Amino acid sequence: MKMEECFYTTFSKEQEDYILNIAKQRNLLISGGSDYHGLNKKQHELAVGRGDLNISKEIISNWNINFYREMQK
């Protein structure tokens, strides 16, 4: 599976849109991350990073569909 991290704790809306467009053009799955690596990283919280990061659970269902298709080849 090929994917691109389109949602990240420090990305602006414009950056997200730009990367999402590239992923769509290249038919890549999309992902995201909060950059949370435990309590040693100040101002980073699990699942939201440094702010209001919100990654839809629907993204994962798309991964499952694509994974299943790859396994059928």
N, C-alpha and C. Protein backbone atom coordinates (compact mmCIF):
# COMPACT_ATOMS: atom_id res chain seq x y z
N MET A 1 0.85 -1.17 0.00
CA MET A 1 0.00 0.00 0.00
C MET A 1 0.89 1.24 0.00
N LYS A 2 0.51 2.20 -0.80
CA LYS A 2 1.24 3.46 -0.85
C LYS A 2 0.35 4.54 -0.25
N MET A 3 0.92 5.31 0.68
CA MET A 3 0.12 6.35 1.31
C MET A 3 0.95 7.58 1.59
N GLU A 4 0.25 8.67 1.85
CA GLU A 4 0.87 9.96 2.12
C GLU A 4 0.28 10.52 3.41
N GLU A 5 1.14 11.07 4.26
CA GLU A 5 0.67 11.72 5.48
C GLU A 5 0.17 13.12 5.11
N CYS A 6 -1.15 13.28 5.11
CA CYS A 6 -1.77 14.53 4.69
C CYS A 6 -2.21 15.39 5.87
N PHE A 7 -2.32 14.79 7.02
CA PHE A 7 -2.74 15.52 8.21
C PHE A 7 -1.63 15.42 9.25
N TYR A 8 -1.17 16.56 9.73
CA TYR A 8 -0.08 16.59 10.69
C TYR A 8 -0.30 17.76 11.63
N THR A 9 0.20 17.63 12.82
CA THR A 9 -0.08 18.60 13.87
C THR A 9 0.29 20.05 13.53
N THR A 10 1.29 20.26 12.70
CA THR A 10 1.71 21.63 12.38
C THR A 10 1.27 22.10 10.99
N PHE A 11 0.58 21.26 10.22
CA PHE A 11 0.15 21.66 8.88
C PHE A 11 -0.98 22.68 8.95
N SER A 12 -0.90 23.67 8.08
CA SER A 12 -2.01 24.62 7.92
C SER A 12 -3.07 23.98 7.03
N LYS A 13 -4.23 24.57 6.96
CA LYS A 13 -5.29 24.08 6.08
C LYS A 13 -4.81 24.07 4.64
N GLU A 14 -4.08 25.09 4.24
CA GLU A 14 -3.57 25.18 2.88
C GLU A 14 -2.59 24.04 2.59
N GLN A 15 -1.73 23.72 3.55
CA GLN A 15 -0.79 22.62 3.37
C GLN A 15 -1.52 21.29 3.26
N GLU A 16 -2.52 21.08 4.12
CA GLU A 16 -3.32 19.86 4.04
C GLU A 16 -3.97 19.72 2.67
N ASP A 17 -4.59 20.79 2.20
CA ASP A 17 -5.26 20.75 0.90
C ASP A 17 -4.28 20.44 -0.23
N TYR A 18 -3.11 21.04 -0.18
CA TYR A 18 -2.09 20.82 -1.20
C TYR A 18 -1.67 19.35 -1.23
N ILE A 19 -1.37 18.79 -0.06
CA ILE A 19 -0.91 17.41 0.01
C ILE A 19 -2.04 16.44 -0.32
N LEU A 20 -3.26 16.74 0.11
CA LEU A 20 -4.42 15.90 -0.25
C LEU A 20 -4.59 15.85 -1.76
N ASN A 21 -4.40 16.96 -2.44
CA ASN A 21 -4.52 17.02 -3.89
C ASN A 21 -3.47 16.13 -4.56
N ILE A 22 -2.24 16.18 -4.06
CA ILE A 22 -1.18 15.33 -4.61
C ILE A 22 -1.53 13.86 -4.41
N ALA A 23 -1.99 13.50 -3.20
CA ALA A 23 -2.35 12.11 -2.91
C ALA A 23 -3.47 11.65 -3.84
N LYS A 24 -4.43 12.51 -4.09
CA LYS A 24 -5.55 12.16 -4.97
C LYS A 24 -5.03 11.94 -6.40
N GLN A 25 -4.19 12.84 -6.89
CA GLN A 25 -3.65 12.73 -8.24
C GLN A 25 -2.85 11.44 -8.43
N ARG A 26 -2.16 11.02 -7.39
CA ARG A 26 -1.30 9.83 -7.48
C ARG A 26 -1.98 8.57 -6.96
N ASN A 27 -3.26 8.69 -6.64
CA ASN A 27 -4.06 7.56 -6.15
C ASN A 27 -3.43 6.91 -4.90
N LEU A 28 -3.01 7.75 -3.95
CA LEU A 28 -2.41 7.28 -2.72
C LEU A 28 -3.44 7.26 -1.59
N LEU A 29 -3.28 6.34 -0.67
CA LEU A 29 -4.09 6.38 0.54
C LEU A 29 -3.61 7.56 1.38
N ILE A 30 -4.47 8.07 2.24
CA ILE A 30 -4.08 9.20 3.07
C ILE A 30 -4.00 8.78 4.53
N SER A 31 -3.10 9.44 5.25
CA SER A 31 -2.93 9.17 6.67
C SER A 31 -2.60 10.48 7.37
N GLY A 32 -2.39 10.39 8.65
CA GLY A 32 -2.04 11.56 9.43
C GLY A 32 -1.42 11.15 10.74
N GLY A 33 -0.81 12.10 11.41
CA GLY A 33 -0.18 11.79 12.69
C GLY A 33 -0.06 13.00 13.58
N SER A 34 -0.13 12.75 14.88
CA SER A 34 -0.05 13.83 15.86
C SER A 34 1.38 14.09 16.33
N ASP A 35 2.33 13.23 15.94
CA ASP A 35 3.72 13.33 16.36
C ASP A 35 3.87 13.13 17.86
N TYR A 36 2.94 12.40 18.45
CA TYR A 36 3.01 12.10 19.88
C TYR A 36 3.95 10.93 20.11
N HIS A 37 4.95 11.16 20.94
CA HIS A 37 5.93 10.11 21.24
C HIS A 37 6.07 9.89 22.74
N GLY A 38 5.02 10.19 23.48
CA GLY A 38 5.05 10.01 24.93
C GLY A 38 5.15 11.34 25.65
N LEU A 39 5.23 11.25 26.94
CA LEU A 39 5.20 12.45 27.79
C LEU A 39 6.46 13.30 27.68
N ASN A 40 7.51 12.78 27.07
CA ASN A 40 8.75 13.54 26.96
C ASN A 40 8.65 14.70 25.96
N LYS A 41 7.63 14.71 25.11
CA LYS A 41 7.46 15.78 24.13
C LYS A 41 6.44 16.78 24.69
N LYS A 42 6.90 17.92 25.11
CA LYS A 42 6.02 18.92 25.69
C LYS A 42 5.12 19.52 24.62
N GLN A 43 3.92 19.86 25.03
CA GLN A 43 2.91 20.49 24.17
C GLN A 43 2.42 19.57 23.05
N HIS A 44 2.63 18.28 23.19
CA HIS A 44 2.09 17.31 22.24
C HIS A 44 1.19 16.36 23.00
N GLU A 45 -0.05 16.30 22.60
CA GLU A 45 -0.99 15.41 23.26
C GLU A 45 -1.39 14.30 22.29
N LEU A 46 -1.67 13.15 22.84
CA LEU A 46 -2.07 12.00 22.05
C LEU A 46 -3.29 12.35 21.21
N ALA A 47 -3.23 12.08 19.93
CA ALA A 47 -4.31 12.23 18.95
C ALA A 47 -4.56 13.66 18.48
N VAL A 48 -4.08 14.67 19.17
CA VAL A 48 -4.31 16.04 18.71
C VAL A 48 -3.02 16.83 18.49
N GLY A 49 -1.90 16.26 18.87
CA GLY A 49 -0.63 16.94 18.66
C GLY A 49 -0.53 18.23 19.45
N ARG A 50 -0.24 19.32 18.76
CA ARG A 50 -0.10 20.62 19.40
C ARG A 50 -1.35 21.48 19.29
N GLY A 51 -2.39 20.98 18.72
CA GLY A 51 -3.54 21.85 18.52
C GLY A 51 -4.82 21.09 18.34
N ASP A 52 -5.47 21.34 17.21
CA ASP A 52 -6.80 20.78 16.99
C ASP A 52 -6.81 19.75 15.86
N LEU A 53 -5.76 18.98 15.77
CA LEU A 53 -5.68 17.94 14.74
C LEU A 53 -6.88 17.01 14.86
N ASN A 54 -7.51 16.73 13.74
CA ASN A 54 -8.68 15.86 13.73
C ASN A 54 -8.61 14.97 12.49
N ILE A 55 -8.29 13.71 12.68
CA ILE A 55 -8.17 12.77 11.57
C ILE A 55 -9.38 11.85 11.60
N SER A 56 -10.13 11.85 10.53
CA SER A 56 -11.36 11.06 10.44
C SER A 56 -11.09 9.57 10.49
N LYS A 57 -11.93 8.84 11.22
CA LYS A 57 -11.82 7.38 11.28
C LYS A 57 -12.16 6.75 9.93
N GLU A 58 -12.85 7.47 9.06
CA GLU A 58 -13.21 6.95 7.74
C GLU A 58 -11.97 6.63 6.90
N ILE A 59 -10.87 7.30 7.19
CA ILE A 59 -9.63 7.05 6.45
C ILE A 59 -9.23 5.59 6.59
N ILE A 60 -9.36 5.04 7.78
CA ILE A 60 -8.95 3.66 8.03
C ILE A 60 -9.82 2.67 7.27
N SER A 61 -11.10 2.94 7.14
CA SER A 61 -11.96 2.03 6.38
C SER A 61 -11.51 1.96 4.92
N ASN A 62 -11.02 3.05 4.39
CA ASN A 62 -10.49 3.06 3.03
C ASN A 62 -9.23 2.21 2.95
N TRP A 63 -8.41 2.22 3.99
CA TRP A 63 -7.21 1.37 4.01
C TRP A 63 -7.62 -0.08 3.92
N ASN A 64 -8.63 -0.47 4.69
CA ASN A 64 -9.07 -1.86 4.72
C ASN A 64 -9.56 -2.32 3.35
N ILE A 65 -10.30 -1.49 2.67
CA ILE A 65 -10.80 -1.82 1.33
C ILE A 65 -9.63 -2.02 0.37
N ASN A 66 -8.69 -1.11 0.39
CA ASN A 66 -7.55 -1.20 -0.51
C ASN A 66 -6.64 -2.38 -0.16
N PHE A 67 -6.47 -2.65 1.12
CA PHE A 67 -5.67 -3.80 1.53
C PHE A 67 -6.30 -5.09 1.02
N TYR A 68 -7.61 -5.19 1.16
CA TYR A 68 -8.32 -6.38 0.70
C TYR A 68 -8.16 -6.55 -0.81
N ARG A 69 -8.27 -5.48 -1.56
CA ARG A 69 -8.11 -5.55 -3.01
C ARG A 69 -6.71 -6.01 -3.39
N GLU A 70 -5.69 -5.52 -2.68
CA GLU A 70 -4.31 -5.92 -2.95
C GLU A 70 -4.12 -7.41 -2.68
N MET A 71 -4.76 -7.92 -1.65
CA MET A 71 -4.61 -9.33 -1.28
C MET A 71 -5.29 -10.24 -2.31
N GLN A 72 -6.27 -9.73 -3.04
CA GLN A 72 -6.99 -10.53 -4.01
C GLN A 72 -6.24 -10.67 -5.33
N LYS A 73 -5.20 -9.89 -5.53
CA LYS A 73 -4.43 -9.93 -6.80
C LYS A 73 -3.61 -11.19 -6.90
